[in-house]
Amino acid sequence: MLLKFTVWSAGLISLITSANVIADTSPTRVTPSAPHTEFFQELASLCGKAFAGTRVVERPGRDLLVGNEQLRVHFRECTDNQVFAPFHIERPEHGDWDRSRTWIYTHYDDHLTLSHDHREADGKESDDTGYGGATVTPGSANQQLFIFTERTGEQGEVLGWRIELEPGKRYSYGTMADGDWTWRVDFDLSQEVDIPPAPWGYDELE
C-alpha cells in the first residue's frame, strides 16, 4: 500500500511540476499603448536632436515667415510627461535669429496638450503666450490634432494645430481648420543639424 501511495504521489508531483512549467512558459499578454501615448513616445525619442525645416504651406496675408529663412526645431528637453521643442527662425534682415518660441507637449492619461511659450529677447514672457490646444480624439501614432477651443473660424470651422510624425523622415507642425492645413512647416528627420543656442528665457543646458 505504501508503495502504491508513493508512486501515486510521485506522479502527482510530476504532473503539477509539468503544469507549472507550461504556465511559466506561456506567452505574456502585452497591452498595446494608446495612440496618443505612442505619438508622445515618438516625440520624446527625438530628444536632444535638432533638425532643419522648410515652410510648405503659406498663410496668405498674415504669414509668420517670408519664406527664405533658415528654420530649426530642437527637441531640447524631455521629462516623463513633457517635451520642450524650441522653434528657431532666422532673421536675415537683422543678421540674427528669433528664438522666442517654444512648443510644449504634455502627456496625460487620455490626451495630449500643446502650448506655446513666447518670450522676449530679455527672457520675459510675451503678451501673447500660453495659448494652445488639446486632443479630443485618440488620433494616431503619426498624427494628432490639437483643438483650439477659444474660437472657431469665420464659417464655424474647428481651429487648432495639426502635428505629424514620420519616423526618420518628417516632423510637421502647422495650423489647421477642420483638419486641413492652413499653415505648415516640415522638418527633415533624416539628417540632424547643429544644436542651436537656448531659446530666449531658458538657460543653456549643461
Protein backbone atom coordinates (compact mmCIF):
# COMPACT_ATOMS: atom_id res chain seq x y z
CA MET A 1 0.00 0.00 0.00
CA LEU A 2 2.83 2.37 0.88
CA LEU A 3 4.48 1.64 -2.45
CA LYS A 4 1.28 2.47 -4.37
CA PHE A 5 0.89 5.76 -2.44
CA THR A 6 4.48 6.68 -3.10
CA VAL A 7 4.14 6.03 -6.83
CA TRP A 8 0.84 7.95 -6.95
CA SER A 9 2.37 10.89 -5.05
CA ALA A 10 5.37 10.98 -7.35
CA GLY A 11 3.08 11.03 -10.37
CA LEU A 12 1.01 13.88 -8.90
CA ILE A 13 4.13 15.93 -8.16
CA SER A 14 5.37 15.31 -11.70
CA LEU A 15 2.00 16.43 -13.11
CA ILE A 16 1.99 19.62 -11.02
CA THR A 17 5.58 20.39 -11.98
CA SER A 18 4.77 19.93 -15.67
CA ALA A 19 1.73 22.18 -15.36
CA ASN A 20 3.85 24.89 -13.71
CA VAL A 21 6.42 24.70 -16.47
CA ILE A 22 3.69 25.07 -19.08
CA ALA A 23 2.21 28.05 -17.22
CA ASP A 24 5.60 29.70 -16.79
CA THR A 25 6.46 29.40 -20.48
CA SER A 26 3.12 30.62 -21.79
CA PRO A 27 3.32 33.94 -23.73
CA THR A 28 2.81 37.16 -21.79
CA ARG A 29 -0.08 39.28 -22.97
CA VAL A 30 1.10 42.78 -23.95
CA THR A 31 -1.41 45.63 -23.82
CA PRO A 32 -0.84 48.00 -26.75
CA SER A 33 -0.22 51.68 -25.94
CA ALA A 34 -2.87 54.27 -26.71
CA PRO A 35 -2.22 56.20 -29.95
CA HIS A 36 -1.57 59.49 -28.13
CA THR A 37 0.99 57.75 -25.92
CA GLU A 38 2.77 56.21 -28.92
CA PHE A 39 2.87 59.65 -30.53
CA PHE A 40 4.33 61.23 -27.41
CA GLN A 41 6.94 58.48 -27.10
CA GLU A 42 7.99 59.07 -30.70
CA LEU A 43 8.38 62.78 -30.00
CA ALA A 44 10.42 62.02 -26.89
CA SER A 45 12.70 59.72 -28.90
CA LEU A 46 13.92 62.84 -30.75
CA CYS A 47 15.07 64.49 -27.53
CA GLY A 48 18.48 66.14 -27.76
CA LYS A 49 18.37 66.43 -31.54
CA ALA A 50 17.82 69.38 -33.89
CA PHE A 51 16.52 69.44 -37.48
CA ALA A 52 16.17 71.93 -40.34
CA GLY A 53 12.77 72.87 -41.70
CA THR A 54 11.00 74.40 -44.69
CA ARG A 55 7.64 76.11 -44.97
CA VAL A 56 5.43 74.08 -47.30
CA VAL A 57 2.02 75.70 -46.76
CA GLU A 58 1.83 79.50 -46.71
CA ARG A 59 -0.79 81.55 -44.92
CA PRO A 60 -1.62 84.34 -47.41
CA GLY A 61 -1.71 87.83 -45.98
CA ARG A 62 -0.53 87.05 -42.46
CA ASP A 63 2.30 84.57 -42.66
CA LEU A 64 4.88 84.34 -39.89
CA LEU A 65 7.65 83.75 -42.45
CA VAL A 66 8.97 85.49 -45.54
CA GLY A 67 9.94 82.14 -46.99
CA ASN A 68 13.72 82.33 -47.30
CA GLU A 69 14.63 81.92 -43.63
CA GLN A 70 16.50 79.03 -42.12
CA LEU A 71 14.27 77.17 -39.67
CA ARG A 72 15.27 74.87 -36.82
CA VAL A 73 13.41 72.74 -34.32
CA HIS A 74 15.33 71.47 -31.30
CA PHE A 75 13.78 68.75 -29.16
CA ARG A 76 15.64 70.29 -26.30
CA GLU A 77 14.37 68.77 -23.08
CA CYS A 78 12.11 65.89 -22.11
CA THR A 79 10.56 64.64 -18.89
CA ASP A 80 8.26 61.69 -18.27
CA ASN A 81 5.29 63.73 -19.42
CA GLN A 82 6.62 66.77 -21.33
CA VAL A 83 8.64 67.58 -24.44
CA PHE A 84 10.05 71.09 -24.91
CA ALA A 85 10.77 71.92 -28.56
CA PRO A 86 12.04 75.45 -29.34
CA PHE A 87 11.37 76.77 -32.85
CA HIS A 88 14.22 78.99 -34.12
CA ILE A 89 13.65 81.36 -37.06
CA GLU A 90 16.50 83.09 -38.87
CA ARG A 91 16.11 86.85 -39.42
CA PRO A 92 18.34 87.58 -42.44
CA GLU A 93 17.44 91.26 -42.42
CA HIS A 94 18.77 91.57 -38.85
CA GLY A 95 21.63 89.12 -39.13
CA ASP A 96 20.35 87.12 -36.15
CA TRP A 97 17.69 84.64 -35.06
CA ASP A 98 14.25 84.87 -33.47
CA ARG A 99 14.42 82.43 -30.54
CA SER A 100 11.15 83.48 -28.94
CA ARG A 101 9.05 80.33 -29.42
CA THR A 102 8.99 77.02 -27.58
CA TRP A 103 6.40 74.33 -28.26
CA ILE A 104 5.50 72.35 -25.14
CA TYR A 105 3.80 68.96 -25.48
CA THR A 106 2.29 67.46 -22.32
CA HIS A 107 1.10 63.87 -21.95
CA TYR A 108 -1.93 62.96 -19.84
CA ASP A 109 -3.57 59.57 -19.32
CA ASP A 110 -6.20 60.18 -22.00
CA HIS A 111 -4.99 63.11 -24.11
CA LEU A 112 -2.16 65.45 -25.09
CA THR A 113 -1.87 69.23 -24.92
CA LEU A 114 0.22 71.66 -26.96
CA SER A 115 1.08 75.07 -25.54
CA HIS A 116 3.19 77.91 -26.93
CA ASP A 117 5.69 79.66 -24.69
CA HIS A 118 6.60 83.02 -26.24
CA ARG A 119 9.42 85.11 -24.75
CA GLU A 120 11.05 88.45 -25.44
CA ALA A 121 14.80 88.69 -26.03
CA ASP A 122 15.27 89.63 -22.36
CA GLY A 123 13.57 86.39 -21.29
CA LYS A 124 10.30 87.93 -20.14
CA GLU A 125 7.02 86.38 -21.25
CA SER A 126 5.43 88.00 -24.29
CA ASP A 127 1.90 89.36 -24.09
CA ASP A 128 0.80 86.63 -26.48
CA THR A 129 1.91 83.43 -24.75
CA GLY A 130 0.49 80.28 -23.22
CA TYR A 131 -2.11 79.63 -25.91
CA GLY A 132 -2.64 76.18 -27.35
CA GLY A 133 -4.99 73.26 -27.61
CA ALA A 134 -5.75 69.69 -26.56
CA THR A 135 -6.51 66.47 -28.38
CA VAL A 136 -10.14 65.33 -28.19
CA THR A 137 -9.84 62.13 -30.26
CA PRO A 138 -7.34 59.25 -29.99
CA GLY A 139 -5.58 60.31 -33.19
CA SER A 140 -2.78 58.00 -34.26
CA ALA A 141 0.87 57.33 -33.55
CA ASN A 142 1.69 59.52 -36.57
CA GLN A 143 -0.83 62.36 -36.32
CA GLN A 144 -2.51 64.37 -33.57
CA LEU A 145 -4.93 67.31 -33.82
CA PHE A 146 -4.85 69.88 -31.02
CA ILE A 147 -8.14 71.76 -30.87
CA PHE A 148 -8.20 75.49 -30.10
CA THR A 149 -11.46 75.76 -28.18
CA GLU A 150 -11.37 79.52 -27.55
CA ARG A 151 -12.70 80.38 -31.01
CA THR A 152 -13.80 78.95 -34.33
CA GLY A 153 -13.28 80.06 -37.92
CA GLU A 154 -15.41 82.56 -39.78
CA GLN A 155 -17.54 79.72 -41.14
CA GLY A 156 -17.57 77.82 -37.87
CA GLU A 157 -14.51 75.74 -38.71
CA VAL A 158 -12.76 73.86 -35.92
CA LEU A 159 -9.37 75.52 -35.48
CA GLY A 160 -6.15 74.25 -33.96
CA TRP A 161 -2.81 72.64 -34.72
CA ARG A 162 -2.01 69.56 -36.77
CA ILE A 163 1.19 67.71 -35.89
CA GLU A 164 2.54 64.77 -37.88
CA LEU A 165 5.48 62.41 -37.46
CA GLU A 166 7.07 60.04 -39.97
CA PRO A 167 9.90 58.41 -38.01
CA GLY A 168 13.24 59.05 -39.65
CA LYS A 169 11.62 61.19 -42.34
CA ARG A 170 9.46 64.13 -41.29
CA TYR A 171 8.10 66.17 -38.38
CA SER A 172 5.37 68.59 -39.45
CA TYR A 173 3.94 71.44 -37.40
CA GLY A 174 1.14 73.66 -38.59
CA THR A 175 -2.25 75.21 -38.05
CA MET A 176 -5.46 73.68 -39.37
CA ALA A 177 -9.14 74.33 -39.96
CA ASP A 178 -11.46 71.33 -39.89
CA GLY A 179 -8.35 69.15 -40.09
CA ASP A 180 -6.94 70.74 -43.25
CA TRP A 181 -3.59 72.55 -43.19
CA THR A 182 -3.76 76.37 -43.15
CA TRP A 183 -0.02 76.76 -42.47
CA ARG A 184 2.74 74.15 -42.28
CA VAL A 185 6.45 73.69 -41.70
CA ASP A 186 8.18 70.37 -42.41
CA PHE A 187 11.40 69.35 -40.65
CA ASP A 188 13.70 66.74 -42.18
CA LEU A 189 14.30 64.00 -39.61
CA SER A 190 16.72 62.11 -41.83
CA GLN A 191 19.60 64.47 -41.06
CA GLU A 192 20.48 66.18 -37.79
CA VAL A 193 21.87 69.72 -37.67
CA ASP A 194 23.94 71.59 -35.08
CA ILE A 195 22.22 72.25 -31.76
CA PRO A 196 21.08 75.90 -31.62
CA PRO A 197 21.56 78.17 -28.59
CA ALA A 198 18.96 78.17 -25.83
CA PRO A 199 15.65 79.85 -26.66
CA TRP A 200 15.00 83.20 -25.03
CA GLY A 201 14.13 82.86 -21.36
CA TYR A 202 15.79 79.45 -20.97
CA ASP A 203 19.24 78.70 -19.61
CA GLU A 204 21.78 76.75 -21.58
CA LEU A 205 21.78 73.04 -20.79
CA GLU A 206 24.90 71.74 -19.08
